[in-house]
């Protein structure tokens, strides 16, 4: 994971990052300098997640998190700096994966 020049969580290598904070799923806003990923945008449009500036320590203390990209789709993060995340995949990650699968299948909005 990379921080931007302001020290805020930004992205992974060619991927977007989503972090569960409480019962909310958040990803850094485009103003952070992150990749304007298609998968990221589809999940935001589906109402699965919101945007918020995130401190990198939020990822280190998260119960669940995942990466998105066109090739990885929704890919759970199992550990951060060697610390296993308690939920992998957790319920918010599963919800995002199901929503993305429905989008790909051309089904109704999740």
N, C-alpha and C. Protein backbone atom coordinates (compact mmCIF):
# COMPACT_ATOMS: atom_id res chain seq x y z
N UNK A 1 0.84 -1.17 0.00
CA UNK A 1 0.00 0.00 0.00
C UNK A 1 0.88 1.23 0.00
N UNK A 2 0.38 2.27 -0.63
CA UNK A 2 1.13 3.51 -0.72
C UNK A 2 0.36 4.66 -0.09
N UNK A 3 1.10 5.54 0.54
CA UNK A 3 0.53 6.80 1.03
C UNK A 3 0.80 7.87 -0.02
N UNK A 4 -0.02 8.91 0.00
CA UNK A 4 0.23 10.04 -0.91
C UNK A 4 1.20 11.01 -0.25
N UNK A 5 1.48 12.13 -0.90
CA UNK A 5 2.46 13.09 -0.37
C UNK A 5 1.99 13.75 0.93
N UNK A 6 0.71 13.65 1.25
CA UNK A 6 0.18 14.20 2.50
C UNK A 6 0.18 13.14 3.61
N UNK A 7 0.67 11.93 3.30
CA UNK A 7 0.73 10.87 4.29
C UNK A 7 -0.58 10.12 4.49
N UNK A 8 -1.53 10.29 3.57
CA UNK A 8 -2.82 9.60 3.65
C UNK A 8 -2.77 8.34 2.79
N UNK A 9 -3.55 7.34 3.17
CA UNK A 9 -3.64 6.09 2.40
C UNK A 9 -4.11 6.42 0.98
N UNK A 10 -3.47 5.83 0.00
CA UNK A 10 -3.79 6.17 -1.39
C UNK A 10 -4.22 4.95 -2.20
N UNK A 11 -3.32 3.99 -2.42
CA UNK A 11 -3.62 2.87 -3.30
C UNK A 11 -2.58 1.78 -3.16
N UNK A 12 -2.82 0.68 -3.87
CA UNK A 12 -1.83 -0.37 -4.01
C UNK A 12 -1.20 -0.23 -5.39
N UNK A 13 -0.32 -1.14 -5.75
CA UNK A 13 0.30 -1.11 -7.07
C UNK A 13 -0.75 -1.50 -8.11
N UNK A 14 -1.26 -0.52 -8.84
CA UNK A 14 -2.28 -0.78 -9.86
C UNK A 14 -3.61 -1.22 -9.30
N UNK A 15 -3.86 -0.97 -8.02
CA UNK A 15 -5.10 -1.38 -7.38
C UNK A 15 -5.65 -0.27 -6.50
N UNK A 16 -6.91 -0.37 -6.20
CA UNK A 16 -7.55 0.52 -5.22
C UNK A 16 -7.73 -0.26 -3.94
N UNK A 17 -7.71 0.45 -2.82
CA UNK A 17 -7.85 -0.18 -1.51
C UNK A 17 -9.15 0.26 -0.85
N UNK A 18 -9.81 -0.70 -0.21
CA UNK A 18 -11.03 -0.46 0.55
C UNK A 18 -10.78 -0.98 1.96
N UNK A 19 -11.23 -0.22 2.96
CA UNK A 19 -11.01 -0.58 4.36
C UNK A 19 -12.34 -0.52 5.09
N UNK A 20 -12.60 -1.54 5.91
CA UNK A 20 -13.80 -1.54 6.75
C UNK A 20 -13.49 -0.80 8.04
N UNK A 21 -14.27 0.23 8.31
CA UNK A 21 -14.15 0.99 9.55
C UNK A 21 -15.52 0.92 10.21
N UNK A 22 -15.59 0.13 11.28
CA UNK A 22 -16.89 -0.13 11.89
C UNK A 22 -17.74 -0.88 10.90
N UNK A 23 -18.93 -0.36 10.62
CA UNK A 23 -19.81 -1.01 9.64
C UNK A 23 -19.78 -0.31 8.29
N UNK A 24 -18.77 0.57 8.10
CA UNK A 24 -18.65 1.31 6.84
C UNK A 24 -17.47 0.80 6.04
N UNK A 25 -17.64 0.80 4.72
CA UNK A 25 -16.59 0.42 3.80
C UNK A 25 -16.13 1.69 3.10
N UNK A 26 -14.84 2.00 3.22
CA UNK A 26 -14.32 3.27 2.71
C UNK A 26 -13.13 3.06 1.78
N UNK A 27 -12.99 3.97 0.82
CA UNK A 27 -11.86 4.00 -0.08
C UNK A 27 -11.41 5.45 -0.19
N UNK A 28 -10.12 5.69 -0.42
CA UNK A 28 -9.67 7.07 -0.55
C UNK A 28 -10.34 7.76 -1.74
N UNK A 29 -10.59 9.08 -1.64
CA UNK A 29 -11.19 9.81 -2.75
C UNK A 29 -10.16 10.02 -3.87
N UNK A 30 -10.65 10.31 -5.06
CA UNK A 30 -9.74 10.57 -6.18
C UNK A 30 -8.80 11.72 -5.88
N UNK A 31 -9.22 12.66 -5.05
CA UNK A 31 -8.36 13.79 -4.70
C UNK A 31 -7.11 13.35 -3.94
N UNK A 32 -7.08 12.10 -3.45
CA UNK A 32 -5.89 11.57 -2.78
C UNK A 32 -4.78 11.25 -3.77
N UNK A 33 -5.15 11.19 -5.05
CA UNK A 33 -4.19 10.84 -6.09
C UNK A 33 -4.26 9.38 -6.48
N UNK A 34 -5.26 8.66 -5.95
CA UNK A 34 -5.37 7.23 -6.25
C UNK A 34 -5.82 6.99 -7.69
N UNK A 35 -5.60 5.80 -8.13
CA UNK A 35 -6.02 5.33 -9.44
C UNK A 35 -7.54 5.46 -9.56
N UNK A 36 -8.01 6.01 -10.66
CA UNK A 36 -9.45 6.10 -10.91
C UNK A 36 -9.91 4.79 -11.52
N UNK A 37 -9.94 3.74 -10.71
CA UNK A 37 -10.24 2.40 -11.18
C UNK A 37 -11.70 2.19 -11.53
N UNK A 38 -11.94 1.39 -12.55
CA UNK A 38 -13.29 1.06 -13.00
C UNK A 38 -14.03 0.27 -11.93
N UNK A 39 -13.39 -0.74 -11.36
CA UNK A 39 -14.03 -1.55 -10.32
C UNK A 39 -14.38 -0.69 -9.12
N UNK A 40 -13.46 0.18 -8.72
CA UNK A 40 -13.70 1.12 -7.62
C UNK A 40 -14.94 1.95 -7.89
N UNK A 41 -15.01 2.52 -9.08
CA UNK A 41 -16.13 3.39 -9.44
C UNK A 41 -17.45 2.63 -9.45
N UNK A 42 -17.46 1.41 -9.95
CA UNK A 42 -18.68 0.62 -9.99
C UNK A 42 -19.19 0.31 -8.58
N UNK A 43 -18.27 0.01 -7.66
CA UNK A 43 -18.68 -0.26 -6.28
C UNK A 43 -19.21 1.00 -5.61
N UNK A 44 -18.62 2.15 -5.91
CA UNK A 44 -19.12 3.41 -5.36
C UNK A 44 -20.51 3.71 -5.92
N UNK A 45 -20.68 3.54 -7.24
CA UNK A 45 -21.99 3.78 -7.87
C UNK A 45 -23.06 2.85 -7.32
N UNK A 46 -22.68 1.62 -6.95
CA UNK A 46 -23.63 0.65 -6.41
C UNK A 46 -23.98 0.95 -4.95
N UNK A 47 -23.30 1.92 -4.36
CA UNK A 47 -23.58 2.30 -2.98
C UNK A 47 -22.98 1.35 -1.95
N UNK A 48 -22.03 0.54 -2.36
CA UNK A 48 -21.41 -0.43 -1.47
C UNK A 48 -20.40 0.24 -0.53
N UNK A 49 -19.78 1.32 -1.00
CA UNK A 49 -18.72 1.99 -0.24
C UNK A 49 -18.83 3.49 -0.39
N UNK A 50 -18.10 4.18 0.44
CA UNK A 50 -18.00 5.63 0.37
C UNK A 50 -16.55 6.04 0.28
N UNK A 51 -16.33 7.32 0.05
CA UNK A 51 -14.98 7.85 -0.05
C UNK A 51 -14.66 8.67 1.20
N UNK A 52 -13.42 8.53 1.67
CA UNK A 52 -12.97 9.31 2.81
C UNK A 52 -11.45 9.28 2.86
N UNK A 53 -10.83 10.40 3.22
CA UNK A 53 -9.39 10.40 3.44
C UNK A 53 -9.11 9.45 4.60
N UNK A 54 -8.13 8.58 4.41
CA UNK A 54 -7.83 7.55 5.40
C UNK A 54 -6.38 7.63 5.85
N UNK A 55 -6.17 7.49 7.13
CA UNK A 55 -4.83 7.41 7.68
C UNK A 55 -4.31 6.00 7.43
N UNK A 56 -3.06 5.84 7.03
CA UNK A 56 -2.53 4.48 6.80
C UNK A 56 -2.67 3.56 8.01
N UNK A 57 -2.69 4.11 9.21
CA UNK A 57 -2.84 3.26 10.40
C UNK A 57 -4.21 2.59 10.44
N UNK A 58 -5.19 3.18 9.75
CA UNK A 58 -6.50 2.56 9.67
C UNK A 58 -6.44 1.19 9.03
N UNK A 59 -5.58 1.04 8.05
CA UNK A 59 -5.41 -0.26 7.40
C UNK A 59 -4.75 -1.25 8.36
N UNK A 60 -3.79 -0.78 9.11
CA UNK A 60 -3.09 -1.65 10.05
C UNK A 60 -4.01 -2.16 11.16
N UNK A 61 -5.07 -1.43 11.47
CA UNK A 61 -5.97 -1.81 12.55
C UNK A 61 -7.33 -2.31 12.05
N UNK A 62 -7.45 -2.45 10.75
CA UNK A 62 -8.73 -2.86 10.16
C UNK A 62 -9.05 -4.32 10.49
N UNK A 63 -10.35 -4.61 10.57
CA UNK A 63 -10.77 -6.00 10.73
C UNK A 63 -10.86 -6.68 9.37
N UNK A 64 -11.14 -5.90 8.34
CA UNK A 64 -11.17 -6.43 6.98
C UNK A 64 -10.82 -5.33 6.00
N UNK A 65 -10.28 -5.74 4.87
CA UNK A 65 -9.91 -4.81 3.81
C UNK A 65 -9.77 -5.63 2.52
N UNK A 66 -9.82 -4.92 1.39
CA UNK A 66 -9.61 -5.60 0.12
C UNK A 66 -9.08 -4.64 -0.92
N UNK A 67 -8.55 -5.21 -1.98
CA UNK A 67 -8.07 -4.47 -3.14
C UNK A 67 -9.03 -4.70 -4.29
N UNK A 68 -9.11 -3.74 -5.20
CA UNK A 68 -9.88 -3.94 -6.42
C UNK A 68 -9.04 -3.55 -7.63
N UNK A 69 -9.31 -4.23 -8.72
CA UNK A 69 -8.76 -3.88 -10.02
C UNK A 69 -9.57 -4.65 -11.06
N UNK A 70 -9.36 -4.30 -12.30
CA UNK A 70 -10.09 -4.99 -13.37
C UNK A 70 -9.70 -6.46 -13.46
N UNK A 71 -8.49 -6.80 -13.10
CA UNK A 71 -8.07 -8.20 -13.18
C UNK A 71 -8.26 -8.96 -11.87
N UNK A 72 -8.16 -8.27 -10.73
CA UNK A 72 -8.33 -8.93 -9.42
C UNK A 72 -9.78 -8.91 -8.97
N UNK A 73 -10.58 -8.02 -9.53
CA UNK A 73 -11.95 -7.78 -9.08
C UNK A 73 -11.92 -7.39 -7.61
N UNK A 74 -12.57 -8.12 -6.71
CA UNK A 74 -12.54 -7.83 -5.27
C UNK A 74 -11.65 -8.89 -4.63
N UNK A 75 -10.49 -8.45 -4.15
CA UNK A 75 -9.48 -9.38 -3.65
C UNK A 75 -9.18 -9.08 -2.18
N UNK A 76 -9.61 -9.98 -1.26
CA UNK A 76 -9.40 -9.73 0.17
C UNK A 76 -7.93 -9.60 0.54
N UNK A 77 -7.66 -8.76 1.52
CA UNK A 77 -6.32 -8.62 2.09
C UNK A 77 -6.28 -9.51 3.34
N UNK A 78 -5.36 -10.45 3.36
CA UNK A 78 -5.27 -11.41 4.47
C UNK A 78 -4.45 -10.88 5.65
N UNK A 79 -3.43 -10.06 5.36
CA UNK A 79 -2.54 -9.57 6.42
C UNK A 79 -1.97 -8.22 6.03
N UNK A 80 -1.64 -7.44 7.05
CA UNK A 80 -0.99 -6.15 6.86
C UNK A 80 0.26 -6.15 7.73
N UNK A 81 1.41 -5.98 7.10
CA UNK A 81 2.69 -6.02 7.82
C UNK A 81 2.82 -7.27 8.68
N UNK A 82 2.37 -8.41 8.15
CA UNK A 82 2.48 -9.68 8.85
C UNK A 82 1.39 -9.95 9.87
N UNK A 83 0.51 -8.97 10.12
CA UNK A 83 -0.59 -9.16 11.08
C UNK A 83 -1.83 -9.62 10.32
N UNK A 84 -2.31 -10.84 10.59
CA UNK A 84 -3.53 -11.30 9.91
C UNK A 84 -4.72 -10.40 10.24
N UNK A 85 -5.52 -10.11 9.25
CA UNK A 85 -6.76 -9.37 9.50
C UNK A 85 -7.79 -10.35 10.04
N UNK A 86 -8.55 -9.96 11.07
CA UNK A 86 -9.49 -10.88 11.72
C UNK A 86 -10.54 -11.47 10.79
N UNK A 87 -10.94 -10.70 9.80
CA UNK A 87 -12.00 -11.18 8.90
C UNK A 87 -11.48 -11.17 7.46
N UNK A 88 -11.31 -12.35 6.89
CA UNK A 88 -10.82 -12.42 5.52
C UNK A 88 -11.44 -13.62 4.81
N UNK A 89 -12.35 -13.45 3.92
CA UNK A 89 -13.03 -12.17 3.70
C UNK A 89 -14.10 -11.95 4.76
N UNK A 90 -14.28 -10.71 5.11
CA UNK A 90 -15.31 -10.34 6.07
C UNK A 90 -16.64 -10.07 5.38
N UNK A 91 -17.66 -9.76 6.14
CA UNK A 91 -18.99 -9.55 5.56
C UNK A 91 -19.07 -8.37 4.59
N UNK A 92 -18.32 -7.30 4.84
CA UNK A 92 -18.35 -6.17 3.91
C UNK A 92 -17.62 -6.50 2.62
N UNK A 93 -16.54 -7.26 2.73
CA UNK A 93 -15.82 -7.71 1.54
C UNK A 93 -16.70 -8.65 0.72
N UNK A 94 -17.39 -9.56 1.39
CA UNK A 94 -18.28 -10.48 0.68
C UNK A 94 -19.41 -9.72 -0.01
N UNK A 95 -19.96 -8.73 0.67
CA UNK A 95 -21.03 -7.91 0.07
C UNK A 95 -20.52 -7.19 -1.18
N UNK A 96 -19.31 -6.66 -1.11
CA UNK A 96 -18.73 -5.97 -2.27
C UNK A 96 -18.50 -6.95 -3.42
N UNK A 97 -17.99 -8.14 -3.11
CA UNK A 97 -17.76 -9.15 -4.15
C UNK A 97 -19.07 -9.58 -4.81
N UNK A 98 -20.10 -9.75 -4.00
CA UNK A 98 -21.41 -10.13 -4.55
C UNK A 98 -22.00 -9.01 -5.41
N UNK A 99 -21.85 -7.78 -4.97
CA UNK A 99 -22.34 -6.64 -5.74
C UNK A 99 -21.61 -6.54 -7.07
N UNK A 100 -20.30 -6.74 -7.04
CA UNK A 100 -19.53 -6.66 -8.28
C UNK A 100 -19.90 -7.81 -9.21
N UNK A 101 -20.09 -9.00 -8.68
CA UNK A 101 -20.51 -10.14 -9.50
C UNK A 101 -21.85 -9.86 -10.16
N UNK A 102 -22.78 -9.23 -9.43
CA UNK A 102 -24.09 -8.89 -9.99
C UNK A 102 -23.94 -7.86 -11.11
N UNK A 103 -23.05 -6.91 -10.93
CA UNK A 103 -22.80 -5.91 -11.97
C UNK A 103 -22.27 -6.59 -13.22
N UNK A 104 -21.30 -7.48 -13.04
CA UNK A 104 -20.73 -8.19 -14.19
C UNK A 104 -21.76 -9.07 -14.90
N UNK A 105 -22.66 -9.66 -14.12
CA UNK A 105 -23.68 -10.52 -14.70
C UNK A 105 -24.79 -9.73 -15.38
N UNK A 106 -24.77 -8.42 -15.20
CA UNK A 106 -25.80 -7.59 -15.82
C UNK A 106 -27.10 -7.64 -15.07
N UNK A 107 -27.06 -8.11 -13.84
CA UNK A 107 -28.27 -8.20 -13.03
C UNK A 107 -28.72 -6.85 -12.52
N UNK A 108 -29.68 -6.89 -11.64
CA UNK A 108 -30.20 -5.67 -11.04
C UNK A 108 -29.13 -5.06 -10.14
N UNK A 109 -29.28 -3.77 -9.92
CA UNK A 109 -28.37 -3.10 -9.00
C UNK A 109 -28.44 -3.75 -7.65
N UNK A 110 -27.28 -3.98 -7.03
CA UNK A 110 -27.27 -4.62 -5.70
C UNK A 110 -27.87 -3.71 -4.64
